[in-house]
C-alpha atoms as a PDB file:
ATOM      1  CA  MET A   1      10.360 -45.598 -20.500  1.00  0.00           C
ATOM      2  CA  LYS A   2       9.856 -48.134 -17.788  1.00  0.00           C
ATOM      3  CA  ILE A   3       6.221 -49.003 -16.671  1.00  0.00           C
ATOM      4  CA  THR A   4       4.761 -51.027 -14.057  1.00  0.00           C
ATOM      5  CA  PHE A   5       1.232 -52.168 -13.949  1.00  0.00           C
ATOM      6  CA  ILE A   6      -0.052 -52.995 -10.472  1.00  0.00           C
ATOM      7  CA  GLY A   7      -3.085 -55.064 -11.206  1.00  0.00           C
ATOM      8  CA  LEU A   8      -3.370 -57.371 -14.327  1.00  0.00           C
ATOM      9  CA  GLY A   9      -7.111 -57.549 -14.824  1.00  0.00           C
ATOM     10  CA  ASN A  10      -8.867 -56.973 -18.073  1.00  0.00           C
ATOM     11  CA  MET A  11      -8.308 -53.302 -18.468  1.00  0.00           C
ATOM     12  CA  ALA A  12      -4.577 -53.653 -17.789  1.00  0.00           C
ATOM     13  CA  THR A  13      -3.910 -56.492 -20.207  1.00  0.00           C
ATOM     14  CA  ALA A  14      -5.946 -54.379 -22.681  1.00  0.00           C
ATOM     15  CA  MET A  15      -3.612 -51.497 -22.138  1.00  0.00           C
ATOM     16  CA  ILE A  16      -0.595 -53.696 -22.445  1.00  0.00           C
ATOM     17  CA  LYS A  17      -1.723 -55.190 -25.689  1.00  0.00           C
ATOM     18  CA  GLY A  18      -2.287 -51.622 -27.054  1.00  0.00           C
ATOM     19  CA  ILE A  19       1.017 -50.230 -25.891  1.00  0.00           C
ATOM     20  CA  LEU A  20       2.794 -53.064 -27.418  1.00  0.00           C
ATOM     21  CA  THR A  21       0.676 -53.250 -30.817  1.00  0.00           C
ATOM     22  CA  HIS A  22       1.497 -49.391 -31.171  1.00  0.00           C
ATOM     23  CA  GLY A  23       5.213 -49.830 -30.215  1.00  0.00           C
ATOM     24  CA  ILE A  24       5.077 -47.268 -27.373  1.00  0.00           C
ATOM     25  CA  VAL A  25       7.473 -49.338 -25.327  1.00  0.00           C
ATOM     26  CA  SER A  26       9.084 -52.868 -25.824  1.00  0.00           C
ATOM     27  CA  LYS A  27       7.855 -55.771 -23.818  1.00  0.00           C
ATOM     28  CA  ASP A  28      11.085 -55.733 -21.825  1.00  0.00           C
ATOM     29  CA  ASP A  29      10.015 -52.233 -20.504  1.00  0.00           C
ATOM     30  CA  ILE A  30       6.972 -53.601 -18.833  1.00  0.00           C
ATOM     31  CA  ILE A  31       6.545 -55.247 -15.516  1.00  0.00           C
ATOM     32  CA  GLY A  32       3.229 -56.377 -14.201  1.00  0.00           C
ATOM     33  CA  THR A  33       2.032 -57.432 -10.660  1.00  0.00           C
ATOM     34  CA  ASP A  34      -0.937 -59.307  -9.319  1.00  0.00           C
ATOM     35  CA  VAL A  35      -1.705 -61.538  -6.268  1.00  0.00           C
ATOM     36  CA  LEU A  36      -3.388 -64.036  -8.607  1.00  0.00           C
ATOM     37  CA  GLU A  37      -1.358 -66.423 -10.501  1.00  0.00           C
ATOM     38  CA  THR A  38      -3.898 -66.701 -13.178  1.00  0.00           C
ATOM     39  CA  ALA A  39      -3.763 -63.114 -13.891  1.00  0.00           C
ATOM     40  CA  ARG A  40       0.083 -63.275 -13.982  1.00  0.00           C
ATOM     41  CA  ASN A  41      -0.092 -66.159 -16.418  1.00  0.00           C
ATOM     42  CA  LYS A  42      -2.322 -64.488 -18.663  1.00  0.00           C
ATOM     43  CA  ALA A  43      -0.338 -61.435 -18.785  1.00  0.00           C
ATOM     44  CA  SER A  44       2.989 -63.340 -19.309  1.00  0.00           C
ATOM     45  CA  ALA A  45       1.721 -64.330 -22.869  1.00  0.00           C
ATOM     46  CA  PHE A  46       2.563 -60.855 -23.863  1.00  0.00           C
ATOM     47  CA  GLY A  47       6.253 -61.586 -23.046  1.00  0.00           C
ATOM     48  CA  ILE A  48       6.386 -59.114 -20.115  1.00  0.00           C
ATOM     49  CA  ILE A  49       7.894 -59.937 -16.747  1.00  0.00           C
ATOM     50  CA  THR A  50       5.262 -60.598 -13.907  1.00  0.00           C
ATOM     51  CA  THR A  51       5.522 -60.945 -10.245  1.00  0.00           C
ATOM     52  CA  ASN A  52       3.573 -60.565  -7.145  1.00  0.00           C
ATOM     53  CA  ASP A  53       6.002 -58.190  -5.384  1.00  0.00           C
ATOM     54  CA  ASN A  54       4.647 -54.638  -5.918  1.00  0.00           C
ATOM     55  CA  ALA A  55       7.625 -52.795  -4.209  1.00  0.00           C
ATOM     56  CA  ASN A  56      10.288 -54.412  -6.282  1.00  0.00           C
ATOM     57  CA  ALA A  57       8.440 -54.033  -9.364  1.00  0.00           C
ATOM     58  CA  CYS A  58       8.192 -50.324  -8.775  1.00  0.00           C
ATOM     59  CA  LYS A  59      11.566 -49.437  -7.932  1.00  0.00           C
ATOM     60  CA  GLU A  60      12.850 -48.451 -11.286  1.00  0.00           C
ATOM     61  CA  ALA A  61       9.463 -47.431 -13.052  1.00  0.00           C
ATOM     62  CA  ASP A  62       8.991 -44.198 -14.689  1.00  0.00           C
ATOM     63  CA  ILE A  63       5.329 -44.725 -14.768  1.00  0.00           C
ATOM     64  CA  ILE A  64       3.324 -46.861 -12.201  1.00  0.00           C
ATOM     65  CA  ILE A  65      -0.343 -47.881 -13.406  1.00  0.00           C
ATOM     66  CA  LEU A  66      -2.641 -48.376 -10.636  1.00  0.00           C
ATOM     67  CA  ALA A  67      -5.152 -50.992 -12.276  1.00  0.00           C
ATOM     68  CA  ILE A  68      -6.596 -52.108  -8.951  1.00  0.00           C
ATOM     69  CA  LYS A  69      -9.797 -52.377  -6.958  1.00  0.00           C
ATOM     70  CA  PRO A  70     -10.187 -49.239  -4.747  1.00  0.00           C
ATOM     71  CA  GLN A  71     -10.833 -51.685  -1.787  1.00  0.00           C
ATOM     72  CA  ILE A  72      -7.063 -52.787  -1.835  1.00  0.00           C
ATOM     73  CA  ALA A  73      -5.546 -49.221  -2.745  1.00  0.00           C
ATOM     74  CA  GLU A  74      -4.748 -48.283   0.802  1.00  0.00           C
ATOM     75  CA  LYS A  75      -2.586 -51.509   1.256  1.00  0.00           C
ATOM     76  CA  VAL A  76      -0.927 -51.250  -2.204  1.00  0.00           C
ATOM     77  CA  LEU A  77       0.159 -47.527  -1.791  1.00  0.00           C
ATOM     78  CA  LYS A  78       1.548 -48.464   1.470  1.00  0.00           C
ATOM     79  CA  GLU A  79       3.841 -50.997   0.007  1.00  0.00           C
ATOM     80  CA  ILE A  80       5.093 -48.955  -2.834  1.00  0.00           C
ATOM     81  CA  LYS A  81       5.402 -45.494  -1.016  1.00  0.00           C
ATOM     82  CA  GLY A  82       9.159 -46.091  -0.085  1.00  0.00           C
ATOM     83  CA  VAL A  83      10.308 -46.767  -3.645  1.00  0.00           C
ATOM     84  CA  ILE A  84       8.688 -43.949  -5.357  1.00  0.00           C
ATOM     85  CA  SER A  85      11.218 -41.252  -6.790  1.00  0.00           C
ATOM     86  CA  ALA A  86      10.561 -37.724  -7.172  1.00  0.00           C
ATOM     87  CA  ASP A  87      10.257 -38.377 -11.047  1.00  0.00           C
ATOM     88  CA  THR A  88       7.785 -41.363 -10.822  1.00  0.00           C
ATOM     89  CA  ILE A  89       4.414 -40.718 -12.350  1.00  0.00           C
ATOM     90  CA  ILE A  90       1.467 -42.526 -10.747  1.00  0.00           C
ATOM     91  CA  LEU A  91      -1.119 -43.140 -13.422  1.00  0.00           C
ATOM     92  CA  SER A  92      -4.272 -44.296 -11.681  1.00  0.00           C
ATOM     93  CA  ILE A  93      -7.257 -46.040 -13.527  1.00  0.00           C
ATOM     94  CA  MET A  94      -9.077 -46.738 -10.325  1.00  0.00           C
ATOM     95  CA  ALA A  95     -12.723 -45.772  -9.787  1.00  0.00           C
ATOM     96  CA  GLY A  96     -13.635 -43.648  -6.955  1.00  0.00           C
ATOM     97  CA  LYS A  97     -10.170 -42.403  -5.587  1.00  0.00           C
ATOM     98  CA  SER A  98      -9.242 -38.772  -6.168  1.00  0.00           C
ATOM     99  CA  MET A  99      -5.820 -37.411  -6.686  1.00  0.00           C
ATOM    100  CA  ALA A 100      -5.807 -35.831  -3.382  1.00  0.00           C
ATOM    101  CA  TRP A 101      -6.764 -39.116  -1.646  1.00  0.00           C
ATOM    102  CA  ILE A 102      -3.618 -40.842  -3.262  1.00  0.00           C
ATOM    103  CA  SER A 103      -1.342 -38.107  -2.577  1.00  0.00           C
ATOM    104  CA  GLU A 104      -2.262 -38.124   1.019  1.00  0.00           C
ATOM    105  CA  ARG A 105      -1.127 -41.802   1.167  1.00  0.00           C
ATOM    106  CA  LEU A 106       2.090 -41.132  -0.784  1.00  0.00           C
ATOM    107  CA  THR A 107       3.644 -37.653  -0.588  1.00  0.00           C
ATOM    108  CA  ASP A 108       2.462 -34.192  -1.260  1.00  0.00           C
ATOM    109  CA  SER A 109       4.830 -33.662  -4.120  1.00  0.00           C
ATOM    110  CA  VAL A 110       4.088 -36.974  -6.093  1.00  0.00           C
ATOM    111  CA  LYS A 111       3.105 -36.719  -9.734  1.00  0.00           C
ATOM    112  CA  ILE A 112      -0.344 -38.024 -10.290  1.00  0.00           C
ATOM    113  CA  VAL A 113      -2.378 -38.570 -13.361  1.00  0.00           C
ATOM    114  CA  ARG A 114      -5.936 -39.959 -12.954  1.00  0.00           C
ATOM    115  CA  ALA A 115      -8.041 -41.543 -16.024  1.00  0.00           C
ATOM    116  CA  MET A 116     -11.328 -43.140 -16.344  1.00  0.00           C
ATOM    117  CA  PRO A 117     -11.292 -45.525 -19.434  1.00  0.00           C
ATOM    118  CA  ASN A 118     -14.297 -47.568 -20.365  1.00  0.00           C
ATOM    119  CA  THR A 119     -14.725 -51.315 -21.191  1.00  0.00           C
ATOM    120  CA  PRO A 120     -14.541 -50.833 -25.184  1.00  0.00           C
ATOM    121  CA  ALA A 121     -10.793 -50.537 -24.312  1.00  0.00           C
ATOM    122  CA  LEU A 122     -11.023 -54.476 -24.698  1.00  0.00           C
ATOM    123  CA  VAL A 123     -11.482 -53.846 -28.520  1.00  0.00           C
ATOM    124  CA  GLY A 124      -9.382 -50.677 -28.791  1.00  0.00           C
ATOM    125  CA  GLU A 125     -12.214 -48.303 -28.815  1.00  0.00           C
ATOM    126  CA  ALA A 126     -12.157 -46.800 -25.363  1.00  0.00           C
ATOM    127  CA  ILE A 127     -12.565 -43.141 -24.566  1.00  0.00           C
ATOM    128  CA  SER A 128     -10.696 -41.980 -21.469  1.00  0.00           C
ATOM    129  CA  GLY A 129     -11.029 -38.816 -19.459  1.00  0.00           C
ATOM    130  CA  VAL A 130      -7.647 -37.894 -18.098  1.00  0.00           C
ATOM    131  CA  CYS A 131      -6.674 -35.297 -15.413  1.00  0.00           C
ATOM    132  CA  ARG A 132      -3.439 -34.399 -13.717  1.00  0.00           C
ATOM    133  CA  ASN A 133      -2.202 -32.790 -10.457  1.00  0.00           C
ATOM    134  CA  SER A 134       0.042 -29.666 -10.425  1.00  0.00           C
ATOM    135  CA  HIS A 135       3.060 -31.635 -10.404  1.00  0.00           C
ATOM    136  CA  VAL A 136       2.748 -33.122 -13.688  1.00  0.00           C
ATOM    137  CA  ASN A 137       4.249 -31.099 -16.597  1.00  0.00           C
ATOM    138  CA  ASP A 138       2.874 -31.060 -20.233  1.00  0.00           C
ATOM    139  CA  ASN A 139       5.515 -33.646 -21.411  1.00  0.00           C
ATOM    140  CA  GLU A 140       4.682 -36.083 -18.629  1.00  0.00           C
ATOM    141  CA  MET A 141       1.075 -35.535 -19.498  1.00  0.00           C
ATOM    142  CA  GLU A 142       1.368 -36.195 -23.079  1.00  0.00           C
ATOM    143  CA  LYS A 143       3.213 -39.547 -22.263  1.00  0.00           C
ATOM    144  CA  CYS A 144       0.255 -40.624 -20.242  1.00  0.00           C
ATOM    145  CA  LEU A 145      -2.152 -39.652 -22.711  1.00  0.00           C
ATOM    146  CA  ARG A 146      -0.234 -41.607 -25.461  1.00  0.00           C
ATOM    147  CA  LEU A 147      -0.271 -44.596 -23.386  1.00  0.00           C
ATOM    148  CA  LEU A 148      -4.090 -44.285 -22.785  1.00  0.00           C
ATOM    149  CA  SER A 149      -4.715 -43.629 -26.590  1.00  0.00           C
ATOM    150  CA  SER A 150      -3.505 -47.223 -26.931  1.00  0.00           C
ATOM    151  CA  LEU A 151      -6.895 -48.126 -25.577  1.00  0.00           C
ATOM    152  CA  GLY A 152      -8.629 -45.781 -28.036  1.00  0.00           C
ATOM    153  CA  LYS A 153      -8.986 -42.093 -27.559  1.00  0.00           C
ATOM    154  CA  ALA A 154      -8.075 -39.928 -24.595  1.00  0.00           C
ATOM    155  CA  GLU A 155      -8.920 -36.552 -23.510  1.00  0.00           C
ATOM    156  CA  GLU A 156      -7.631 -34.331 -20.809  1.00  0.00           C
ATOM    157  CA  ILE A 157     -10.338 -32.864 -18.526  1.00  0.00           C
ATOM    158  CA  PRO A 158     -10.464 -31.293 -15.077  1.00  0.00           C
ATOM    159  CA  GLU A 159     -10.957 -33.665 -12.250  1.00  0.00           C
ATOM    160  CA  SER A 160     -14.135 -31.986 -11.406  1.00  0.00           C
ATOM    161  CA  LEU A 161     -15.704 -33.666 -14.460  1.00  0.00           C
ATOM    162  CA  ILE A 162     -14.618 -37.125 -13.708  1.00  0.00           C
ATOM    163  CA  ASP A 163     -18.091 -38.184 -12.245  1.00  0.00           C
ATOM    164  CA  ALA A 164     -19.525 -36.733 -15.541  1.00  0.00           C
ATOM    165  CA  VAL A 165     -17.212 -38.924 -17.584  1.00  0.00           C
ATOM    166  CA  ILE A 166     -18.416 -41.940 -15.433  1.00  0.00           C
ATOM    167  CA  GLY A 167     -21.911 -41.123 -16.251  1.00  0.00           C
ATOM    168  CA  VAL A 168     -21.487 -40.312 -19.970  1.00  0.00           C
ATOM    169  CA  SER A 169     -18.773 -42.683 -20.783  1.00  0.00           C
ATOM    170  CA  GLY A 170     -17.598 -45.055 -17.930  1.00  0.00           C
ATOM    171  CA  SER A 171     -20.943 -46.718 -17.284  1.00  0.00           C
ATOM    172  CA  ALA A 172     -22.492 -45.862 -20.602  1.00  0.00           C
ATOM    173  CA  PRO A 173     -21.548 -49.181 -22.415  1.00  0.00           C
ATOM    174  CA  ALA A 174     -24.166 -50.733 -20.278  1.00  0.00           C
ATOM    175  CA  TYR A 175     -26.928 -48.342 -21.485  1.00  0.00           C
ATOM    176  CA  VAL A 176     -25.758 -49.043 -25.248  1.00  0.00           C
ATOM    177  CA  PHE A 177     -25.719 -52.757 -24.576  1.00  0.00           C
ATOM    178  CA  ILE A 178     -29.361 -52.791 -23.208  1.00  0.00           C
ATOM    179  CA  PHE A 179     -30.355 -50.572 -26.407  1.00  0.00           C
ATOM    180  CA  ILE A 180     -28.737 -53.252 -28.716  1.00  0.00           C
ATOM    181  CA  GLU A 181     -30.396 -55.997 -26.997  1.00  0.00           C
ATOM    182  CA  ALA A 182     -33.766 -54.364 -26.891  1.00  0.00           C
ATOM    183  CA  LEU A 183     -33.548 -53.423 -30.566  1.00  0.00           C
ATOM    184  CA  ALA A 184     -32.403 -56.992 -31.509  1.00  0.00           C
ATOM    185  CA  ASP A 185     -35.433 -58.398 -29.543  1.00  0.00           C
ATOM    186  CA  ALA A 186     -37.793 -56.249 -31.673  1.00  0.00           C
ATOM    187  CA  GLY A 187     -36.008 -57.841 -34.864  1.00  0.00           C
ATOM    188  CA  VAL A 188     -36.616 -61.187 -33.372  1.00  0.00           C
ATOM    189  CA  ALA A 189     -40.216 -60.641 -32.547  1.00  0.00           C
ATOM    190  CA  ALA A 190     -40.501 -59.758 -36.361  1.00  0.00           C
ATOM    191  CA  GLY A 191     -39.052 -62.966 -37.487  1.00  0.00           C
ATOM    192  CA  MET A 192     -35.304 -62.302 -37.722  1.00  0.00           C
ATOM    193  CA  PRO A 193     -32.779 -64.922 -36.426  1.00  0.00           C
ATOM    194  CA  ARG A 194     -31.444 -63.643 -33.267  1.00  0.00           C
ATOM    195  CA  ALA A 195     -27.588 -63.750 -34.086  1.00  0.00           C
ATOM    196  CA  GLN A 196     -28.547 -61.639 -37.316  1.00  0.00           C
ATOM    197  CA  ALA A 197     -30.621 -59.277 -35.198  1.00  0.00           C
ATOM    198  CA  TYR A 198     -27.726 -58.529 -32.945  1.00  0.00           C
ATOM    199  CA  ARG A 199     -25.631 -57.987 -35.931  1.00  0.00           C
ATOM    200  CA  PHE A 200     -27.938 -55.464 -37.504  1.00  0.00           C
ATOM    201  CA  ALA A 201     -28.549 -53.678 -34.252  1.00  0.00           C
ATOM    202  CA  ALA A 202     -24.834 -53.499 -33.405  1.00  0.00           C
ATOM    203  CA  GLN A 203     -23.689 -52.405 -36.807  1.00  0.00           C
ATOM    204  CA  ASN A 204     -26.438 -49.558 -36.564  1.00  0.00           C
ATOM    205  CA  VAL A 205     -24.977 -48.204 -33.245  1.00  0.00           C
ATOM    206  CA  LEU A 206     -21.356 -48.583 -34.712  1.00  0.00           C
ATOM    207  CA  GLY A 207     -22.354 -46.902 -37.995  1.00  0.00           C
ATOM    208  CA  SER A 208     -24.337 -43.978 -36.182  1.00  0.00           C
ATOM    209  CA  ALA A 209     -21.344 -43.264 -33.724  1.00  0.00           C
ATOM    210  CA  ARG A 210     -19.022 -42.964 -36.592  1.00  0.00           C
ATOM    211  CA  MET A 211     -21.498 -40.382 -38.528  1.00  0.00           C
ATOM    212  CA  VAL A 212     -21.371 -38.232 -35.280  1.00  0.00           C
ATOM    213  CA  LEU A 213     -17.484 -38.333 -34.859  1.00  0.00           C
ATOM    214  CA  GLU A 214     -16.708 -38.292 -38.638  1.00  0.00           C
ATOM    215  CA  THR A 215     -19.273 -35.681 -40.065  1.00  0.00           C
ATOM    216  CA  GLY A 216     -19.076 -33.249 -37.006  1.00  0.00           C
ATOM    217  CA  LYS A 217     -22.787 -32.697 -37.318  1.00  0.00           C
ATOM    218  CA  HIS A 218     -25.034 -32.185 -34.435  1.00  0.00           C
ATOM    219  CA  PRO A 219     -26.780 -35.565 -33.573  1.00  0.00           C
ATOM    220  CA  GLY A 220     -30.154 -33.818 -34.021  1.00  0.00           C
ATOM    221  CA  GLU A 221     -29.297 -32.817 -37.435  1.00  0.00           C
ATOM    222  CA  LEU A 222     -28.214 -36.626 -38.146  1.00  0.00           C
ATOM    223  CA  LYS A 223     -31.442 -37.638 -36.676  1.00  0.00           C
ATOM    224  CA  ASP A 224     -33.607 -35.375 -38.866  1.00  0.00           C
ATOM    225  CA  MET A 225     -31.724 -36.621 -41.878  1.00  0.00           C
ATOM    226  CA  VAL A 226     -33.282 -39.968 -41.345  1.00  0.00           C
ATOM    227  CA  CYS A 227     -36.839 -38.822 -40.452  1.00  0.00           C
ATOM    228  CA  SER A 228     -38.739 -38.483 -43.626  1.00  0.00           C
ATOM    229  CA  PRO A 229     -42.070 -36.528 -43.431  1.00  0.00           C
ATOM    230  CA  GLY A 230     -44.760 -38.952 -42.555  1.00  0.00           C
ATOM    231  CA  GLY A 231     -42.207 -41.626 -42.677  1.00  0.00           C
ATOM    232  CA  THR A 232     -41.442 -44.899 -40.495  1.00  0.00           C
ATOM    233  CA  THR A 233     -38.603 -43.361 -38.625  1.00  0.00           C
ATOM    234  CA  ILE A 234     -40.464 -40.186 -37.347  1.00  0.00           C
ATOM    235  CA  GLU A 235     -43.201 -42.604 -36.307  1.00  0.00           C
ATOM    236  CA  ALA A 236     -40.634 -44.503 -34.167  1.00  0.00           C
ATOM    237  CA  VAL A 237     -39.178 -41.403 -32.720  1.00  0.00           C
ATOM    238  CA  LYS A 238     -42.551 -40.226 -31.788  1.00  0.00           C
ATOM    239  CA  ILE A 239     -42.948 -43.333 -29.531  1.00  0.00           C
ATOM    240  CA  LEU A 240     -39.414 -42.913 -28.108  1.00  0.00           C
ATOM    241  CA  GLU A 241     -40.350 -39.342 -26.993  1.00  0.00           C
ATOM    242  CA  GLU A 242     -43.749 -40.610 -25.628  1.00  0.00           C
ATOM    243  CA  LYS A 243     -42.030 -43.327 -23.592  1.00  0.00           C
ATOM    244  CA  GLY A 244     -39.420 -40.873 -22.072  1.00  0.00           C
ATOM    245  CA  PHE A 245     -36.490 -42.507 -23.781  1.00  0.00           C
ATOM    246  CA  ARG A 246     -34.435 -39.341 -23.558  1.00  0.00           C
ATOM    247  CA  ASP A 247     -35.368 -38.516 -20.029  1.00  0.00           C
ATOM    248  CA  ALA A 248     -34.477 -42.139 -19.128  1.00  0.00           C
ATOM    249  CA  ILE A 249     -30.974 -41.911 -20.589  1.00  0.00           C
ATOM    250  CA  ILE A 250     -30.360 -38.663 -18.813  1.00  0.00           C
ATOM    251  CA  GLY A 251     -31.563 -39.936 -15.552  1.00  0.00           C
ATOM    252  CA  ALA A 252     -29.502 -43.095 -15.775  1.00  0.00           C
ATOM    253  CA  ALA A 253     -26.255 -41.160 -16.482  1.00  0.00           C
ATOM    254  CA  THR A 254     -27.133 -38.667 -13.678  1.00  0.00           C
ATOM    255  CA  ALA A 255     -27.645 -41.577 -11.332  1.00  0.00           C
ATOM    256  CA  ALA A 256     -24.278 -43.202 -12.201  1.00  0.00           C
ATOM    257  CA  MET A 257     -22.543 -39.623 -11.658  1.00  0.00           C
ATOM    258  CA  GLU A 258     -24.257 -39.346  -8.173  1.00  0.00           C
ATOM    259  CA  LYS A 259     -23.213 -42.907  -7.194  1.00  0.00           C
ATOM    260  CA  SER A 260     -19.671 -42.012  -8.244  1.00  0.00           C
ATOM    261  CA  LYS A 261     -19.535 -39.194  -5.943  1.00  0.00           C
ATOM    262  CA  LEU A 262     -20.485 -41.326  -3.094  1.00  0.00           C
ATOM    263  CA  LEU A 263     -17.624 -43.702  -3.723  1.00  0.00           C
END
């Protein structure tokens, strides 16, 4: 399986690292392109071939991964249109560009998979929402899911849910980072050294997330397990509810979804 990455930014290099670490393909089966020499040099450290020639890099690719900014997508698709075969799969991790938009600039019969990973990909803990058009069969989709799973986890969704994925997953690390920072600030205010406060706050988020994923229990049930009658936790939860914590999170995620639709 020959893979070409167009764009060698953080998400692409995280994916290359994951693919090679999991042994999905060898370094000789990956080509990366970028207009920036610094990006090419960084990716070359993985032992892959790099170039700034998109068309040549795509000629023999089985899967072309679009890891580019949406602003340059039109130009890039025009460059590679003539070298894509009927069997080539276009795997896009661009924000804001639908499969129909990509198809209009290539061919009606092109195989397209669209994915929305998030920044925890940089530490192998992403969750990617993945959709496909009607030309992609189950075997081809499985290959793409396997590639994206090198970043963490990947689940198939209909494209109609991409904006929801952005609100709940794509943009959500920022909400969590703000929560960690605020929680650590409270620790600092109580006398805890800042570096230690960040470790305690971050580990609590990590551990709590694992409890949701590994126990299968409803988050509300897990919350109730911590809230002893008349205890410290229920007092804290009471303040969160009074301050509209839950409503603020829903509002923030919804705003991200609406902005995604405008893009």
